[in-house]
């Protein structure tokens, strides 16, 4: 009944427009596998694929997956599967990839924390007492200026120590003299 009403009120070109929208669906970088599959199914409802519904959904799913590695694995394994089997395998692979990324981030966080723990063991002092003993920023800045190699001259364009050919100010226009490649302060 609903199908008959839709046919009566939909313009004749809507099926083609819906199929075009369906063919352009791709998974975005942050979109979950379940969300992508749901959006495919919702979009396919208005496309009138008939008996090719499952095959068309499977093809669009494989073509629209964001991760190349998951797509390659699915293409190798899904030749005997229909859409629902391919979807189930895709959801499993995406869940495994997500868990792997979470574990990798946790490993990176632990790697960052380890040097700080090592410093505490070496000094044997709590962090608050060490911070009082550290030199001020101005002392560090003067040390850095003294330890700077003298072989790099100051840039004639901006006054900083680097090669003038790689200076970011080489394309700037001076506010004072309106010449390109200079800064007003120099």
Protein backbone atom coordinates (compact mmCIF):
# COMPACT_ATOMS: atom_id res chain seq x y z
CA UNK A 1 0.00 0.00 0.00
CA UNK A 2 2.77 2.45 0.99
CA UNK A 3 4.67 1.51 -2.17
CA UNK A 4 1.65 2.39 -4.34
CA UNK A 5 1.20 5.75 -2.59
CA UNK A 6 4.89 6.57 -3.02
CA UNK A 7 4.74 5.79 -6.74
CA UNK A 8 1.71 8.05 -7.11
CA UNK A 9 3.26 11.05 -5.38
CA UNK A 10 6.95 10.79 -6.28
CA UNK A 11 8.09 12.55 -9.44
CA UNK A 12 9.34 10.14 -12.13
CA UNK A 13 13.02 11.21 -11.88
CA UNK A 14 13.28 10.72 -8.12
CA UNK A 15 14.41 7.08 -8.37
CA UNK A 16 17.34 8.08 -10.57
CA UNK A 17 18.23 10.98 -8.26
CA UNK A 18 18.09 8.65 -5.25
CA UNK A 19 20.31 6.13 -7.03
CA UNK A 20 22.79 8.88 -7.83
CA UNK A 21 22.88 9.95 -4.17
CA UNK A 22 23.27 6.31 -3.16
CA UNK A 23 26.19 5.79 -5.56
CA UNK A 24 28.04 8.74 -4.02
CA UNK A 25 27.83 7.53 -0.42
CA UNK A 26 31.24 6.96 1.17
CA UNK A 27 32.33 6.43 4.73
CA UNK A 28 33.89 9.54 6.23
CA UNK A 29 37.03 9.32 8.32
CA UNK A 30 35.33 9.53 11.71
CA UNK A 31 32.13 7.69 10.78
CA UNK A 32 31.55 4.33 12.46
CA UNK A 33 30.99 1.20 10.42
CA UNK A 34 27.49 0.77 11.82
CA UNK A 35 26.55 4.34 10.95
CA UNK A 36 27.83 3.92 7.39
CA UNK A 37 25.90 0.67 6.92
CA UNK A 38 22.74 2.29 8.28
CA UNK A 39 23.07 5.26 5.92
CA UNK A 40 23.52 2.86 2.98
CA UNK A 41 20.40 0.92 3.89
CA UNK A 42 18.29 4.05 4.38
CA UNK A 43 19.45 5.49 1.05
CA UNK A 44 18.83 2.19 -0.78
CA UNK A 45 15.19 2.05 0.36
CA UNK A 46 14.21 4.77 -2.14
CA UNK A 47 16.23 3.43 -5.06
CA UNK A 48 13.93 0.60 -6.22
CA UNK A 49 16.80 -1.87 -6.81
CA UNK A 50 14.42 -4.86 -6.81
CA UNK A 51 16.17 -8.25 -6.88
CA UNK A 52 19.62 -6.58 -7.11
CA UNK A 53 19.13 -4.90 -3.70
CA UNK A 54 21.57 -7.08 -1.72
CA UNK A 55 24.23 -7.16 -4.45
CA UNK A 56 24.04 -3.37 -4.95
CA UNK A 57 24.31 -2.71 -1.22
CA UNK A 58 27.33 -5.01 -0.98
CA UNK A 59 29.03 -3.29 -3.93
CA UNK A 60 28.45 0.20 -2.51
CA UNK A 61 29.62 -0.96 0.93
CA UNK A 62 32.89 -2.27 -0.52
CA UNK A 63 33.41 0.80 -2.69
CA UNK A 64 32.62 3.31 0.04
CA UNK A 65 34.74 1.99 2.91
CA UNK A 66 37.21 4.62 4.13
CA UNK A 67 39.94 2.19 5.22
CA UNK A 68 41.85 0.72 2.28
CA UNK A 69 43.20 -2.17 4.37
CA UNK A 70 39.71 -3.24 5.50
CA UNK A 71 38.43 -2.94 1.93
CA UNK A 72 41.25 -5.15 0.63
CA UNK A 73 40.61 -7.80 3.29
CA UNK A 74 36.86 -7.75 2.60
CA UNK A 75 37.37 -8.06 -1.14
CA UNK A 76 39.56 -11.10 -0.55
CA UNK A 77 37.10 -12.77 1.83
CA UNK A 78 33.64 -11.67 0.68
CA UNK A 79 33.32 -13.34 -2.72
CA UNK A 80 30.93 -16.01 -1.38
CA UNK A 81 29.09 -13.66 1.02
CA UNK A 82 25.96 -11.63 0.49
CA UNK A 83 25.43 -8.11 1.89
CA UNK A 84 24.56 -9.21 5.43
CA UNK A 85 27.62 -11.47 5.66
CA UNK A 86 29.90 -8.78 4.25
CA UNK A 87 28.38 -6.24 6.64
CA UNK A 88 28.96 -8.52 9.65
CA UNK A 89 32.58 -9.06 8.61
CA UNK A 90 33.05 -5.31 8.04
CA UNK A 91 31.66 -4.51 11.50
CA UNK A 92 34.06 -7.04 13.08
CA UNK A 93 37.07 -5.68 11.21
CA UNK A 94 36.19 -2.08 12.03
CA UNK A 95 35.76 -2.96 15.72
CA UNK A 96 39.17 -4.67 15.70
CA UNK A 97 40.77 -1.63 14.00
CA UNK A 98 39.19 0.72 16.53
CA UNK A 99 40.41 -1.38 19.47
CA UNK A 100 43.88 -1.52 17.94
CA UNK A 101 43.96 2.28 17.68
CA UNK A 102 42.82 2.63 21.31
CA UNK A 103 45.58 0.27 22.44
CA UNK A 104 48.17 2.13 20.34
CA UNK A 105 47.13 5.45 21.90
CA UNK A 106 47.37 3.91 25.37
CA UNK A 107 50.87 2.65 24.55
CA UNK A 108 51.88 6.15 23.37
CA UNK A 109 50.54 7.71 26.56
CA UNK A 110 52.51 5.23 28.66
CA UNK A 111 55.64 5.88 26.60
CA UNK A 112 55.30 9.61 27.25
CA UNK A 113 54.80 9.07 30.97
CA UNK A 114 57.80 6.78 31.42
CA UNK A 115 60.51 9.46 31.06
CA UNK A 116 58.78 11.63 33.68
CA UNK A 117 58.70 8.69 36.10
CA UNK A 118 62.36 8.03 35.33
CA UNK A 119 63.29 11.64 36.16
CA UNK A 120 61.55 11.42 39.52
CA UNK A 121 63.49 8.28 40.39
CA UNK A 122 66.79 9.83 39.37
CA UNK A 123 66.39 13.06 41.28
CA UNK A 124 64.64 11.50 44.27
CA UNK A 125 62.82 14.78 44.90
CA UNK A 126 59.17 15.60 44.45
CA UNK A 127 58.24 17.68 41.43
CA UNK A 128 57.37 20.78 43.47
CA UNK A 129 60.83 21.10 45.02
CA UNK A 130 62.58 20.56 41.69
CA UNK A 131 60.64 23.30 39.97
CA UNK A 132 62.02 25.84 42.44
CA UNK A 133 65.57 24.84 41.54
CA UNK A 134 65.15 25.21 37.76
CA UNK A 135 66.57 28.38 36.22
CA UNK A 136 64.28 31.08 34.90
CA UNK A 137 63.28 31.40 31.24
CA UNK A 138 65.47 34.44 30.71
CA UNK A 139 68.51 32.51 31.91
CA UNK A 140 67.65 29.65 29.54
CA UNK A 141 67.17 32.11 26.66
CA UNK A 142 70.56 33.73 27.22
CA UNK A 143 72.20 30.30 27.38
CA UNK A 144 70.50 29.33 24.11
CA UNK A 145 71.71 32.54 22.44
CA UNK A 146 75.28 31.90 23.62
CA UNK A 147 75.23 28.27 22.50
CA UNK A 148 73.86 29.15 19.03
CA UNK A 149 76.35 28.36 16.31
CA UNK A 150 77.95 31.50 14.93
CA UNK A 151 78.30 30.00 11.44
CA UNK A 152 74.68 30.96 10.60
CA UNK A 153 74.46 34.71 10.08
CA UNK A 154 71.36 36.71 10.85
CA UNK A 155 68.96 37.03 7.92
CA UNK A 156 68.98 40.48 6.29
CA UNK A 157 65.23 40.17 5.68
CA UNK A 158 63.94 39.49 9.20
CA UNK A 159 66.93 39.50 11.54
CA UNK A 160 66.63 35.85 12.64
CA UNK A 161 69.50 33.37 12.29
CA UNK A 162 68.77 31.38 9.09
CA UNK A 163 69.45 31.36 5.39
CA UNK A 164 67.74 34.33 3.65
CA UNK A 165 66.69 32.05 0.77
CA UNK A 166 64.46 30.06 3.14
CA UNK A 167 63.16 33.08 5.05
CA UNK A 168 59.38 33.24 5.34
CA UNK A 169 59.60 37.03 4.99
CA UNK A 170 60.90 36.80 1.40
CA UNK A 171 57.31 37.01 0.08
CA UNK A 172 56.05 39.61 2.59
CA UNK A 173 55.54 43.27 1.74
CA UNK A 174 57.09 45.84 4.08
CA UNK A 175 54.59 48.18 5.72
CA UNK A 176 57.16 50.97 5.79
CA UNK A 177 58.79 51.00 2.34
CA UNK A 178 56.29 48.72 0.46
CA UNK A 179 59.14 46.52 -0.86
CA UNK A 180 58.65 42.76 -1.10
CA UNK A 181 61.01 40.61 0.96
CA UNK A 182 61.57 42.97 3.89
CA UNK A 183 60.10 43.65 7.29
CA UNK A 184 59.66 47.06 8.87
CA UNK A 185 61.71 46.18 11.98
CA UNK A 186 64.92 45.26 10.15
